[in-house]
Amino acid sequence: MSTITPKDARSYLQRWSLVQEAEAREVRGTSMELKARQLSVLMASRNLFRADETRDREISDVRKRWAMIRSALRG
């Protein structure tokens, strides 16, 4: 694995900054109609991917942790 110099790191970050600016311009220039259609297609495609079996358990675990935090804060 090669090392990266500070100059290389700055160049890399500058290039990504340019990419982010270009993406922001593109999004700002996209019509609401197209954005709505894209969102509709995205929502309709959710069945193309299998469900995450651990998601419900993880959500439950997080809710339990937050309940414990709220309980501890109440004293």
PDB file of N, CA and C in Angstrom:
ATOM      1  N   MET A   1       0.844  -1.177   0.000  1.00  0.00           N
ATOM      2  CA  MET A   1       0.000   0.000   0.000  1.00  0.00           C
ATOM      3  C   MET A   1       0.889   1.239   0.000  1.00  0.00           C
ATOM      4  N   SER A   2       0.627   2.140  -0.906  1.00  0.00           N
ATOM      5  CA  SER A   2       1.447   3.347  -0.987  1.00  0.00           C
ATOM      6  C   SER A   2       0.929   4.410  -0.019  1.00  0.00           C
ATOM      7  N   THR A   3       1.829   5.260   0.396  1.00  0.00           N
ATOM      8  CA  THR A   3       1.450   6.341   1.302  1.00  0.00           C
ATOM      9  C   THR A   3       1.001   7.539   0.486  1.00  0.00           C
ATOM     10  N   ILE A   4       0.233   8.375   1.119  1.00  0.00           N
ATOM     11  CA  ILE A   4      -0.267   9.584   0.462  1.00  0.00           C
ATOM     12  C   ILE A   4       0.401  10.789   1.114  1.00  0.00           C
ATOM     13  N   THR A   5       0.816  11.699   0.279  1.00  0.00           N
ATOM     14  CA  THR A   5       1.472  12.902   0.798  1.00  0.00           C
ATOM     15  C   THR A   5       0.411  13.945   1.124  1.00  0.00           C
ATOM     16  N   PRO A   6       0.765  14.930   1.938  1.00  0.00           N
ATOM     17  CA  PRO A   6      -0.191  16.002   2.220  1.00  0.00           C
ATOM     18  C   PRO A   6      -0.664  16.704   0.934  1.00  0.00           C
ATOM     19  N   LYS A   7       0.237  16.878  -0.013  1.00  0.00           N
ATOM     20  CA  LYS A   7      -0.124  17.513  -1.284  1.00  0.00           C
ATOM     21  C   LYS A   7      -1.142  16.657  -2.033  1.00  0.00           C
ATOM     22  N   ASP A   8      -0.906  15.334  -2.076  1.00  0.00           N
ATOM     23  CA  ASP A   8      -1.850  14.421  -2.723  1.00  0.00           C
ATOM     24  C   ASP A   8      -3.210  14.468  -2.038  1.00  0.00           C
ATOM     25  N   ALA A   9      -3.203  14.526  -0.714  1.00  0.00           N
ATOM     26  CA  ALA A   9      -4.454  14.572   0.046  1.00  0.00           C
ATOM     27  C   ALA A   9      -5.230  15.844  -0.281  1.00  0.00           C
ATOM     28  N   ARG A  10      -4.542  16.984  -0.347  1.00  0.00           N
ATOM     29  CA  ARG A  10      -5.213  18.242  -0.687  1.00  0.00           C
ATOM     30  C   ARG A  10      -5.795  18.187  -2.090  1.00  0.00           C
ATOM     31  N   SER A  11      -5.037  17.646  -3.019  1.00  0.00           N
ATOM     32  CA  SER A  11      -5.521  17.518  -4.401  1.00  0.00           C
ATOM     33  C   SER A  11      -6.757  16.639  -4.459  1.00  0.00           C
ATOM     34  N   TYR A  12      -6.721  15.532  -3.738  1.00  0.00           N
ATOM     35  CA  TYR A  12      -7.854  14.605  -3.688  1.00  0.00           C
ATOM     36  C   TYR A  12      -9.098  15.316  -3.153  1.00  0.00           C
ATOM     37  N   LEU A  13      -8.939  16.035  -2.045  1.00  0.00           N
ATOM     38  CA  LEU A  13     -10.068  16.737  -1.448  1.00  0.00           C
ATOM     39  C   LEU A  13     -10.592  17.841  -2.360  1.00  0.00           C
ATOM     40  N   GLN A  14      -9.706  18.525  -3.060  1.00  0.00           N
ATOM     41  CA  GLN A  14     -10.130  19.567  -3.996  1.00  0.00           C
ATOM     42  C   GLN A  14     -10.941  18.970  -5.139  1.00  0.00           C
ATOM     43  N   ARG A  15     -10.506  17.816  -5.640  1.00  0.00           N
ATOM     44  CA  ARG A  15     -11.258  17.160  -6.724  1.00  0.00           C
ATOM     45  C   ARG A  15     -12.641  16.758  -6.245  1.00  0.00           C
ATOM     46  N   TRP A  16     -12.734  16.208  -5.033  1.00  0.00           N
ATOM     47  CA  TRP A  16     -14.044  15.820  -4.517  1.00  0.00           C
ATOM     48  C   TRP A  16     -14.916  17.039  -4.260  1.00  0.00           C
ATOM     49  N   SER A  17     -14.310  18.141  -3.888  1.00  0.00           N
ATOM     50  CA  SER A  17     -15.068  19.381  -3.717  1.00  0.00           C
ATOM     51  C   SER A  17     -15.693  19.802  -5.045  1.00  0.00           C
ATOM     52  N   LEU A  18     -14.935  19.665  -6.129  1.00  0.00           N
ATOM     53  CA  LEU A  18     -15.460  19.989  -7.458  1.00  0.00           C
ATOM     54  C   LEU A  18     -16.605  19.051  -7.844  1.00  0.00           C
ATOM     55  N   VAL A  19     -16.468  17.784  -7.495  1.00  0.00           N
ATOM     56  CA  VAL A  19     -17.537  16.807  -7.776  1.00  0.00           C
ATOM     57  C   VAL A  19     -18.795  17.180  -6.997  1.00  0.00           C
ATOM     58  N   GLN A  20     -18.642  17.528  -5.726  1.00  0.00           N
ATOM     59  CA  GLN A  20     -19.792  17.901  -4.906  1.00  0.00           C
ATOM     60  C   GLN A  20     -20.486  19.144  -5.456  1.00  0.00           C
ATOM     61  N   GLU A  21     -19.708  20.118  -5.892  1.00  0.00           N
ATOM     62  CA  GLU A  21     -20.286  21.331  -6.479  1.00  0.00           C
ATOM     63  C   GLU A  21     -21.055  21.008  -7.750  1.00  0.00           C
ATOM     64  N   ALA A  22     -20.501  20.143  -8.590  1.00  0.00           N
ATOM     65  CA  ALA A  22     -21.178  19.762  -9.835  1.00  0.00           C
ATOM     66  C   ALA A  22     -22.476  19.019  -9.537  1.00  0.00           C
ATOM     67  N   GLU A  23     -22.446  18.129  -8.559  1.00  0.00           N
ATOM     68  CA  GLU A  23     -23.662  17.407  -8.184  1.00  0.00           C
ATOM     69  C   GLU A  23     -24.719  18.362  -7.647  1.00  0.00           C
ATOM     70  N   ALA A  24     -24.315  19.317  -6.837  1.00  0.00           N
ATOM     71  CA  ALA A  24     -25.264  20.290  -6.283  1.00  0.00           C
ATOM     72  C   ALA A  24     -25.902  21.116  -7.396  1.00  0.00           C
ATOM     73  N   ARG A  25     -25.094  21.532  -8.383  1.00  0.00           N
ATOM     74  CA  ARG A  25     -25.644  22.282  -9.520  1.00  0.00           C
ATOM     75  C   ARG A  25     -26.655  21.435 -10.290  1.00  0.00           C
ATOM     76  N   GLU A  26     -26.311  20.168 -10.480  1.00  0.00           N
ATOM     77  CA  GLU A  26     -27.197  19.266 -11.216  1.00  0.00           C
ATOM     78  C   GLU A  26     -28.530  19.088 -10.483  1.00  0.00           C
ATOM     79  N   VAL A  27     -28.471  18.902  -9.179  1.00  0.00           N
ATOM     80  CA  VAL A  27     -29.693  18.722  -8.397  1.00  0.00           C
ATOM     81  C   VAL A  27     -30.541  19.992  -8.423  1.00  0.00           C
ATOM     82  N   ARG A  28     -29.889  21.146  -8.278  1.00  0.00           N
ATOM     83  CA  ARG A  28     -30.637  22.409  -8.322  1.00  0.00           C
ATOM     84  C   ARG A  28     -31.296  22.621  -9.674  1.00  0.00           C
ATOM     85  N   GLY A  29     -30.666  22.122 -10.727  1.00  0.00           N
ATOM     86  CA  GLY A  29     -31.199  22.311 -12.070  1.00  0.00           C
ATOM     87  C   GLY A  29     -32.244  21.286 -12.481  1.00  0.00           C
ATOM     88  N   THR A  30     -32.461  20.281 -11.656  1.00  0.00           N
ATOM     89  CA  THR A  30     -33.428  19.236 -11.972  1.00  0.00           C
ATOM     90  C   THR A  30     -34.835  19.707 -11.609  1.00  0.00           C
ATOM     91  N   SER A  31     -35.774  19.501 -12.517  1.00  0.00           N
ATOM     92  CA  SER A  31     -37.148  19.945 -12.266  1.00  0.00           C
ATOM     93  C   SER A  31     -37.788  19.115 -11.156  1.00  0.00           C
ATOM     94  N   MET A  32     -38.795  19.708 -10.503  1.00  0.00           N
ATOM     95  CA  MET A  32     -39.510  18.987  -9.458  1.00  0.00           C
ATOM     96  C   MET A  32     -40.228  17.777 -10.037  1.00  0.00           C
ATOM     97  N   GLU A  33     -40.699  17.888 -11.258  1.00  0.00           N
ATOM     98  CA  GLU A  33     -41.384  16.764 -11.899  1.00  0.00           C
ATOM     99  C   GLU A  33     -40.430  15.570 -12.026  1.00  0.00           C
ATOM    100  N   LEU A  34     -39.218  15.827 -12.494  1.00  0.00           N
ATOM    101  CA  LEU A  34     -38.248  14.751 -12.651  1.00  0.00           C
ATOM    102  C   LEU A  34     -37.851  14.175 -11.293  1.00  0.00           C
ATOM    103  N   LYS A  35     -37.659  15.050 -10.309  1.00  0.00           N
ATOM    104  CA  LYS A  35     -37.322  14.574  -8.970  1.00  0.00           C
ATOM    105  C   LYS A  35     -38.433  13.680  -8.423  1.00  0.00           C
ATOM    106  N   ALA A  36     -39.688  14.064  -8.651  1.00  0.00           N
ATOM    107  CA  ALA A  36     -40.821  13.261  -8.188  1.00  0.00           C
ATOM    108  C   ALA A  36     -40.846  11.911  -8.900  1.00  0.00           C
ATOM    109  N   ARG A  37     -40.584  11.913 -10.210  1.00  0.00           N
ATOM    110  CA  ARG A  37     -40.554  10.643 -10.943  1.00  0.00           C
ATOM    111  C   ARG A  37     -39.418   9.750 -10.453  1.00  0.00           C
ATOM    112  N   GLN A  38     -38.258  10.351 -10.210  1.00  0.00           N
ATOM    113  CA  GLN A  38     -37.126   9.577  -9.707  1.00  0.00           C
ATOM    114  C   GLN A  38     -37.441   8.969  -8.344  1.00  0.00           C
ATOM    115  N   LEU A  39     -38.077   9.748  -7.478  1.00  0.00           N
ATOM    116  CA  LEU A  39     -38.451   9.248  -6.163  1.00  0.00           C
ATOM    117  C   LEU A  39     -39.465   8.114  -6.294  1.00  0.00           C
ATOM    118  N   SER A  40     -40.415   8.262  -7.197  1.00  0.00           N
ATOM    119  CA  SER A  40     -41.420   7.228  -7.423  1.00  0.00           C
ATOM    120  C   SER A  40     -40.768   5.924  -7.878  1.00  0.00           C
ATOM    121  N   VAL A  41     -39.825   6.020  -8.801  1.00  0.00           N
ATOM    122  CA  VAL A  41     -39.116   4.832  -9.282  1.00  0.00           C
ATOM    123  C   VAL A  41     -38.323   4.201  -8.147  1.00  0.00           C
ATOM    124  N   LEU A  42     -37.678   5.017  -7.347  1.00  0.00           N
ATOM    125  CA  LEU A  42     -36.901   4.509  -6.231  1.00  0.00           C
ATOM    126  C   LEU A  42     -37.800   3.770  -5.235  1.00  0.00           C
ATOM    127  N   MET A  43     -38.926   4.368  -4.898  1.00  0.00           N
ATOM    128  CA  MET A  43     -39.846   3.740  -3.962  1.00  0.00           C
ATOM    129  C   MET A  43     -40.409   2.440  -4.534  1.00  0.00           C
ATOM    130  N   ALA A  44     -40.685   2.408  -5.828  1.00  0.00           N
ATOM    131  CA  ALA A  44     -41.237   1.216  -6.465  1.00  0.00           C
ATOM    132  C   ALA A  44     -40.199   0.101  -6.555  1.00  0.00           C
ATOM    133  N   SER A  45     -38.927   0.440  -6.492  1.00  0.00           N
ATOM    134  CA  SER A  45     -37.873  -0.565  -6.651  1.00  0.00           C
ATOM    135  C   SER A  45     -37.485  -1.239  -5.339  1.00  0.00           C
ATOM    136  N   ARG A  46     -38.109  -0.878  -4.250  1.00  0.00           N
ATOM    137  CA  ARG A  46     -37.710  -1.440  -2.961  1.00  0.00           C
ATOM    138  C   ARG A  46     -37.858  -2.949  -2.911  1.00  0.00           C
ATOM    139  N   ASN A  47     -38.761  -3.498  -3.702  1.00  0.00           N
ATOM    140  CA  ASN A  47     -38.952  -4.950  -3.710  1.00  0.00           C
ATOM    141  C   ASN A  47     -37.865  -5.684  -4.485  1.00  0.00           C
ATOM    142  N   LEU A  48     -37.000  -4.958  -5.168  1.00  0.00           N
ATOM    143  CA  LEU A  48     -35.905  -5.595  -5.890  1.00  0.00           C
ATOM    144  C   LEU A  48     -34.799  -6.075  -4.960  1.00  0.00           C
ATOM    145  N   PHE A  49     -34.807  -5.568  -3.744  1.00  0.00           N
ATOM    146  CA  PHE A  49     -33.773  -5.897  -2.772  1.00  0.00           C
ATOM    147  C   PHE A  49     -34.375  -6.699  -1.636  1.00  0.00           C
ATOM    148  N   ARG A  50     -33.638  -7.685  -1.187  1.00  0.00           N
ATOM    149  CA  ARG A  50     -34.171  -8.507  -0.109  1.00  0.00           C
ATOM    150  C   ARG A  50     -34.170  -7.725   1.201  1.00  0.00           C
ATOM    151  N   ALA A  51     -35.081  -8.111   2.068  1.00  0.00           N
ATOM    152  CA  ALA A  51     -35.211  -7.434   3.358  1.00  0.00           C
ATOM    153  C   ALA A  51     -34.024  -7.775   4.247  1.00  0.00           C
ATOM    154  N   ASP A  52     -33.672  -6.855   5.087  1.00  0.00           N
ATOM    155  CA  ASP A  52     -32.594  -7.068   6.059  1.00  0.00           C
ATOM    156  C   ASP A  52     -33.200  -7.744   7.287  1.00  0.00           C
ATOM    157  N   GLU A  53     -32.833  -8.988   7.493  1.00  0.00           N
ATOM    158  CA  GLU A  53     -33.425  -9.771   8.582  1.00  0.00           C
ATOM    159  C   GLU A  53     -33.132  -9.193   9.962  1.00  0.00           C
ATOM    160  N   THR A  54     -32.027  -8.506  10.097  1.00  0.00           N
ATOM    161  CA  THR A  54     -31.637  -7.996  11.416  1.00  0.00           C
ATOM    162  C   THR A  54     -32.205  -6.610  11.711  1.00  0.00           C
ATOM    163  N   ARG A  55     -32.815  -5.985  10.725  1.00  0.00           N
ATOM    164  CA  ARG A  55     -33.263  -4.597  10.887  1.00  0.00           C
ATOM    165  C   ARG A  55     -34.260  -4.424  12.033  1.00  0.00           C
ATOM    166  N   ASP A  56     -35.298  -5.270  12.074  1.00  0.00           N
ATOM    167  CA  ASP A  56     -36.301  -5.132  13.126  1.00  0.00           C
ATOM    168  C   ASP A  56     -35.692  -5.312  14.514  1.00  0.00           C
ATOM    169  N   ARG A  57     -34.786  -6.295  14.648  1.00  0.00           N
ATOM    170  CA  ARG A  57     -34.144  -6.513  15.943  1.00  0.00           C
ATOM    171  C   ARG A  57     -33.287  -5.315  16.328  1.00  0.00           C
ATOM    172  N   GLU A  58     -32.551  -4.773  15.348  1.00  0.00           N
ATOM    173  CA  GLU A  58     -31.695  -3.615  15.628  1.00  0.00           C
ATOM    174  C   GLU A  58     -32.530  -2.402  16.020  1.00  0.00           C
ATOM    175  N   ILE A  59     -33.651  -2.193  15.355  1.00  0.00           N
ATOM    176  CA  ILE A  59     -34.529  -1.078  15.704  1.00  0.00           C
ATOM    177  C   ILE A  59     -35.032  -1.250  17.136  1.00  0.00           C
ATOM    178  N   SER A  60     -35.426  -2.473  17.478  1.00  0.00           N
ATOM    179  CA  SER A  60     -35.886  -2.750  18.835  1.00  0.00           C
ATOM    180  C   SER A  60     -34.787  -2.483  19.854  1.00  0.00           C
ATOM    181  N   ASP A  61     -33.574  -2.918  19.561  1.00  0.00           N
ATOM    182  CA  ASP A  61     -32.446  -2.689  20.469  1.00  0.00           C
ATOM    183  C   ASP A  61     -32.198  -1.196  20.683  1.00  0.00           C
ATOM    184  N   VAL A  62     -32.240  -0.429  19.607  1.00  0.00           N
ATOM    185  CA  VAL A  62     -32.016   1.020  19.708  1.00  0.00           C
ATOM    186  C   VAL A  62     -33.117   1.665  20.543  1.00  0.00           C
ATOM    187  N   ARG A  63     -34.363   1.250  20.320  1.00  0.00           N
ATOM    188  CA  ARG A  63     -35.475   1.811  21.110  1.00  0.00           C
ATOM    189  C   ARG A  63     -35.311   1.499  22.589  1.00  0.00           C
ATOM    190  N   LYS A  64     -34.858   0.279  22.892  1.00  0.00           N
ATOM    191  CA  LYS A  64     -34.625  -0.082  24.295  1.00  0.00           C
ATOM    192  C   LYS A  64     -33.526   0.780  24.906  1.00  0.00           C
ATOM    193  N   ARG A  65     -32.456   1.014  24.143  1.00  0.00           N
ATOM    194  CA  ARG A  65     -31.368   1.858  24.652  1.00  0.00           C
ATOM    195  C   ARG A  65     -31.840   3.272  24.929  1.00  0.00           C
ATOM    196  N   TRP A  66     -32.635   3.835  24.003  1.00  0.00           N
ATOM    197  CA  TRP A  66     -33.150   5.180  24.213  1.00  0.00           C
ATOM    198  C   TRP A  66     -34.081   5.224  25.423  1.00  0.00           C
ATOM    199  N   ALA A  67     -34.874   4.184  25.622  1.00  0.00           N
ATOM    200  CA  ALA A  67     -35.755   4.131  26.796  1.00  0.00           C
ATOM    201  C   ALA A  67     -34.922   4.116  28.075  1.00  0.00           C
ATOM    202  N   MET A  68     -33.806   3.361  28.074  1.00  0.00           N
ATOM    203  CA  MET A  68     -32.941   3.323  29.242  1.00  0.00           C
ATOM    204  C   MET A  68     -32.305   4.694  29.482  1.00  0.00           C
ATOM    205  N   ILE A  69     -31.918   5.373  28.411  1.00  0.00           N
ATOM    206  CA  ILE A  69     -31.315   6.714  28.560  1.00  0.00           C
ATOM    207  C   ILE A  69     -32.345   7.683  29.124  1.00  0.00           C
ATOM    208  N   ARG A  70     -33.563   7.660  28.559  1.00  0.00           N
ATOM    209  CA  ARG A  70     -34.614   8.555  29.060  1.00  0.00           C
ATOM    210  C   ARG A  70     -34.910   8.271  30.525  1.00  0.00           C
ATOM    211  N   SER A  71     -34.982   6.990  30.882  1.00  0.00           N
ATOM    212  CA  SER A  71     -35.239   6.610  32.254  1.00  0.00           C
ATOM    213  C   SER A  71     -34.128   7.092  33.188  1.00  0.00           C
ATOM    214  N   ALA A  72     -32.893   6.943  32.767  1.00  0.00           N
ATOM    215  CA  ALA A  72     -31.755   7.390  33.596  1.00  0.00           C
ATOM    216  C   ALA A  72     -31.759   8.905  33.768  1.00  0.00           C
ATOM    217  N   LEU A  73     -32.155   9.631  32.729  1.00  0.00           N
ATOM    218  CA  LEU A  73     -32.165  11.093  32.797  1.00  0.00           C
ATOM    219  C   LEU A  73     -33.288  11.605  33.712  1.00  0.00           C
ATOM    220  N   ARG A  74     -34.367  10.843  33.795  1.00  0.00           N
ATOM    221  CA  ARG A  74     -35.485  11.238  34.672  1.00  0.00           C
ATOM    222  C   ARG A  74     -35.135  11.016  36.146  1.00  0.00           C
ATOM    223  N   GLY A  75     -34.185  10.146  36.383  1.00  0.00           N
ATOM    224  CA  GLY A  75     -33.730   9.909  37.751  1.00  0.00           C
ATOM    225  C   GLY A  75     -34.444   8.818  38.367  1.00  0.00           C
TER     226      GLY A  75
END
